[in-house]
Amino acid sequence: MDRDAKLRRLGVLHLSLGVLVAVVVPLLYSSLVAFTGDWALVLALVAAVPQIVAGVMLLKGKRYFFPLAMIAGAISLASIPLGTVLGLYTFSVLTTPEDGGEDDLTELP
C-alpha cells in the first residue's frame, strides 16, 4: 500500500474518532457530570478538535500538518482501546520514510 493511501486512511480514522468524541461525549454529558464534573465535557471537546483538524488536513494531503497529526496521535493514546491503536498507527505511518526503505541517516560511510 502506498503512502498516500495510508495517509488518507489515517485522515479518515482521525476524523472519525474526533467526530465520535465530539458527538458522543455531549450526549453522555448528563451521566458524566455526576462522576467527573464539568471539566470532562471541556476536556473531551478540546481533545476532539485536533483530531478533526488533523483528519481533514490529512485527507486534503497537507503534509505540513504532520506535527499536528502527531499531537493528535499522542492525545488519542489516552482513549483506550481505539485511541491507543490509532495513536500507534499514526506514529507508524508518519515516522516511516516515504520511499519505504531505510532512513539515509542509518547508513555508515
C-alpha atoms as a PDB file:
ATOM      1  CA  MET A   1       0.000   0.000   0.000  1.00  0.00           C
ATOM      2  CA  ASP A   2       1.415   3.380  -0.952  1.00  0.00           C
ATOM      3  CA  ARG A   3       1.966   6.202   1.493  1.00  0.00           C
ATOM      4  CA  ASP A   4      -0.848   8.388   0.135  1.00  0.00           C
ATOM      5  CA  ALA A   5      -3.387   5.628   0.745  1.00  0.00           C
ATOM      6  CA  LYS A   6      -2.109   5.222   4.309  1.00  0.00           C
ATOM      7  CA  LEU A   7      -2.374   8.983   4.872  1.00  0.00           C
ATOM      8  CA  ARG A   8      -5.951   9.006   3.555  1.00  0.00           C
ATOM      9  CA  ARG A   9      -6.844   6.095   5.833  1.00  0.00           C
ATOM     10  CA  LEU A  10      -5.188   7.868   8.749  1.00  0.00           C
ATOM     11  CA  GLY A  11      -7.158  11.032   7.956  1.00  0.00           C
ATOM     12  CA  VAL A  12     -10.449   9.125   7.923  1.00  0.00           C
ATOM     13  CA  LEU A  13      -9.613   7.454  11.234  1.00  0.00           C
ATOM     14  CA  HIS A  14      -8.667  10.720  12.967  1.00  0.00           C
ATOM     15  CA  LEU A  15     -11.749  12.463  11.608  1.00  0.00           C
ATOM     16  CA  SER A  16     -13.967   9.565  12.708  1.00  0.00           C
ATOM     17  CA  LEU A  17     -12.565   9.467  16.233  1.00  0.00           C
ATOM     18  CA  GLY A  18     -12.787  13.250  16.585  1.00  0.00           C
ATOM     19  CA  VAL A  19     -16.408  13.367  15.448  1.00  0.00           C
ATOM     20  CA  LEU A  20     -17.252  10.382  17.641  1.00  0.00           C
ATOM     21  CA  VAL A  21     -15.806  12.082  20.702  1.00  0.00           C
ATOM     22  CA  ALA A  22     -17.416  15.434  19.829  1.00  0.00           C
ATOM     23  CA  VAL A  23     -20.861  13.839  19.400  1.00  0.00           C
ATOM     24  CA  VAL A  24     -20.940  11.050  21.978  1.00  0.00           C
ATOM     25  CA  VAL A  25     -19.444  12.890  24.945  1.00  0.00           C
ATOM     26  CA  PRO A  26     -22.066  15.687  24.949  1.00  0.00           C
ATOM     27  CA  LEU A  27     -24.780  13.037  24.684  1.00  0.00           C
ATOM     28  CA  LEU A  28     -23.360  11.248  27.698  1.00  0.00           C
ATOM     29  CA  TYR A  29     -22.673  14.529  29.480  1.00  0.00           C
ATOM     30  CA  SER A  30     -25.579  14.229  31.907  1.00  0.00           C
ATOM     31  CA  SER A  31     -24.268  10.919  33.242  1.00  0.00           C
ATOM     32  CA  LEU A  32     -20.647  12.150  33.291  1.00  0.00           C
ATOM     33  CA  VAL A  33     -21.425  15.184  35.451  1.00  0.00           C
ATOM     34  CA  ALA A  34     -22.313  13.003  38.417  1.00  0.00           C
ATOM     35  CA  PHE A  35     -18.865  11.379  38.370  1.00  0.00           C
ATOM     36  CA  THR A  36     -16.449  13.902  36.911  1.00  0.00           C
ATOM     37  CA  GLY A  37     -17.975  17.370  36.893  1.00  0.00           C
ATOM     38  CA  ASP A  38     -17.981  19.940  34.126  1.00  0.00           C
ATOM     39  CA  TRP A  39     -14.322  19.564  33.191  1.00  0.00           C
ATOM     40  CA  ALA A  40     -14.946  16.221  31.421  1.00  0.00           C
ATOM     41  CA  LEU A  41     -17.019  17.860  28.694  1.00  0.00           C
ATOM     42  CA  VAL A  42     -14.473  20.619  28.137  1.00  0.00           C
ATOM     43  CA  LEU A  43     -11.571  18.167  28.085  1.00  0.00           C
ATOM     44  CA  ALA A  44     -13.306  15.864  25.603  1.00  0.00           C
ATOM     45  CA  LEU A  45     -14.185  18.694  23.244  1.00  0.00           C
ATOM     46  CA  VAL A  46     -10.670  20.148  23.442  1.00  0.00           C
ATOM     47  CA  ALA A  47      -9.260  16.707  22.627  1.00  0.00           C
ATOM     48  CA  ALA A  48     -11.652  16.294  19.677  1.00  0.00           C
ATOM     49  CA  VAL A  49     -10.592  19.496  17.895  1.00  0.00           C
ATOM     50  CA  PRO A  50      -7.024  18.392  16.978  1.00  0.00           C
ATOM     51  CA  GLN A  51      -8.390  15.018  15.842  1.00  0.00           C
ATOM     52  CA  ILE A  52     -10.886  16.637  13.472  1.00  0.00           C
ATOM     53  CA  VAL A  53      -8.433  19.219  12.109  1.00  0.00           C
ATOM     54  CA  ALA A  54      -5.688  16.618  11.606  1.00  0.00           C
ATOM     55  CA  GLY A  55      -8.140  14.285   9.883  1.00  0.00           C
ATOM     56  CA  VAL A  56      -9.341  16.948   7.463  1.00  0.00           C
ATOM     57  CA  MET A  57      -5.832  18.155   6.660  1.00  0.00           C
ATOM     58  CA  LEU A  58      -4.535  14.609   6.098  1.00  0.00           C
ATOM     59  CA  LEU A  59      -7.452  13.952   3.744  1.00  0.00           C
ATOM     60  CA  LYS A  60      -6.585  17.125   1.833  1.00  0.00           C
ATOM     61  CA  GLY A  61      -2.969  15.965   1.565  1.00  0.00           C
ATOM     62  CA  LYS A  62      -1.469  18.863   3.541  1.00  0.00           C
ATOM     63  CA  ARG A  63       1.860  17.407   4.634  1.00  0.00           C
ATOM     64  CA  TYR A  64       2.827  20.434   6.696  1.00  0.00           C
ATOM     65  CA  PHE A  65       0.157  19.369   9.202  1.00  0.00           C
ATOM     66  CA  PHE A  66       2.121  16.234  10.162  1.00  0.00           C
ATOM     67  CA  PRO A  67       3.180  17.757  13.524  1.00  0.00           C
ATOM     68  CA  LEU A  68      -0.491  18.373  14.368  1.00  0.00           C
ATOM     69  CA  ALA A  69      -1.280  14.797  13.359  1.00  0.00           C
ATOM     70  CA  MET A  70       1.486  13.602  15.702  1.00  0.00           C
ATOM     71  CA  ILE A  71      -0.028  15.681  18.524  1.00  0.00           C
ATOM     72  CA  ALA A  72      -3.485  14.273  17.723  1.00  0.00           C
ATOM     73  CA  GLY A  73      -1.989  10.779  17.798  1.00  0.00           C
ATOM     74  CA  ALA A  74      -0.436  11.453  21.189  1.00  0.00           C
ATOM     75  CA  ILE A  75      -3.740  12.782  22.534  1.00  0.00           C
ATOM     76  CA  SER A  76      -5.599   9.757  21.205  1.00  0.00           C
ATOM     77  CA  LEU A  77      -3.305   7.378  23.119  1.00  0.00           C
ATOM     78  CA  ALA A  78      -5.324   8.144  26.259  1.00  0.00           C
ATOM     79  CA  SER A  79      -8.554   6.819  24.713  1.00  0.00           C
ATOM     80  CA  ILE A  80      -8.282   3.120  25.392  1.00  0.00           C
ATOM     81  CA  PRO A  81      -8.620   0.903  23.252  1.00  0.00           C
ATOM     82  CA  LEU A  82      -9.467   2.614  19.929  1.00  0.00           C
ATOM     83  CA  GLY A  83      -7.416   5.737  20.527  1.00  0.00           C
ATOM     84  CA  THR A  84      -4.378   3.734  21.567  1.00  0.00           C
ATOM     85  CA  VAL A  85      -4.437   1.761  18.325  1.00  0.00           C
ATOM     86  CA  LEU A  86      -4.971   4.966  16.325  1.00  0.00           C
ATOM     87  CA  GLY A  87      -2.087   6.703  18.113  1.00  0.00           C
ATOM     88  CA  LEU A  88       0.300   3.832  17.427  1.00  0.00           C
ATOM     89  CA  TYR A  89      -0.817   3.653  13.789  1.00  0.00           C
ATOM     90  CA  THR A  90      -0.319   7.423  13.479  1.00  0.00           C
ATOM     91  CA  PHE A  91       3.248   7.189  14.745  1.00  0.00           C
ATOM     92  CA  SER A  92       3.921   4.200  12.497  1.00  0.00           C
ATOM     93  CA  VAL A  93       2.673   5.914   9.324  1.00  0.00           C
ATOM     94  CA  LEU A  94       4.168   9.343   9.957  1.00  0.00           C
ATOM     95  CA  THR A  95       7.620   8.150  11.038  1.00  0.00           C
ATOM     96  CA  THR A  96       8.135   5.695   8.166  1.00  0.00           C
ATOM     97  CA  PRO A  97      10.376   7.095   5.406  1.00  0.00           C
ATOM     98  CA  GLU A  98       8.478   7.979   2.230  1.00  0.00           C
ATOM     99  CA  ASP A  99      10.434   5.648  -0.042  1.00  0.00           C
ATOM    100  CA  GLY A 100       9.643   2.670   2.187  1.00  0.00           C
ATOM    101  CA  GLY A 101      13.329   1.895   2.605  1.00  0.00           C
ATOM    102  CA  GLU A 102      15.669   2.562   5.428  1.00  0.00           C
ATOM    103  CA  ASP A 103      16.484   6.058   6.512  1.00  0.00           C
ATOM    104  CA  ASP A 104      19.626   7.558   4.944  1.00  0.00           C
ATOM    105  CA  LEU A 105      20.956   8.601   8.361  1.00  0.00           C
ATOM    106  CA  THR A 106      21.400   4.990   9.448  1.00  0.00           C
ATOM    107  CA  GLU A 107      23.918   4.154   6.725  1.00  0.00           C
ATOM    108  CA  LEU A 108      27.559   4.214   7.662  1.00  0.00           C
ATOM    109  CA  PRO A 109      30.070   5.790   5.255  1.00  0.00           C
END
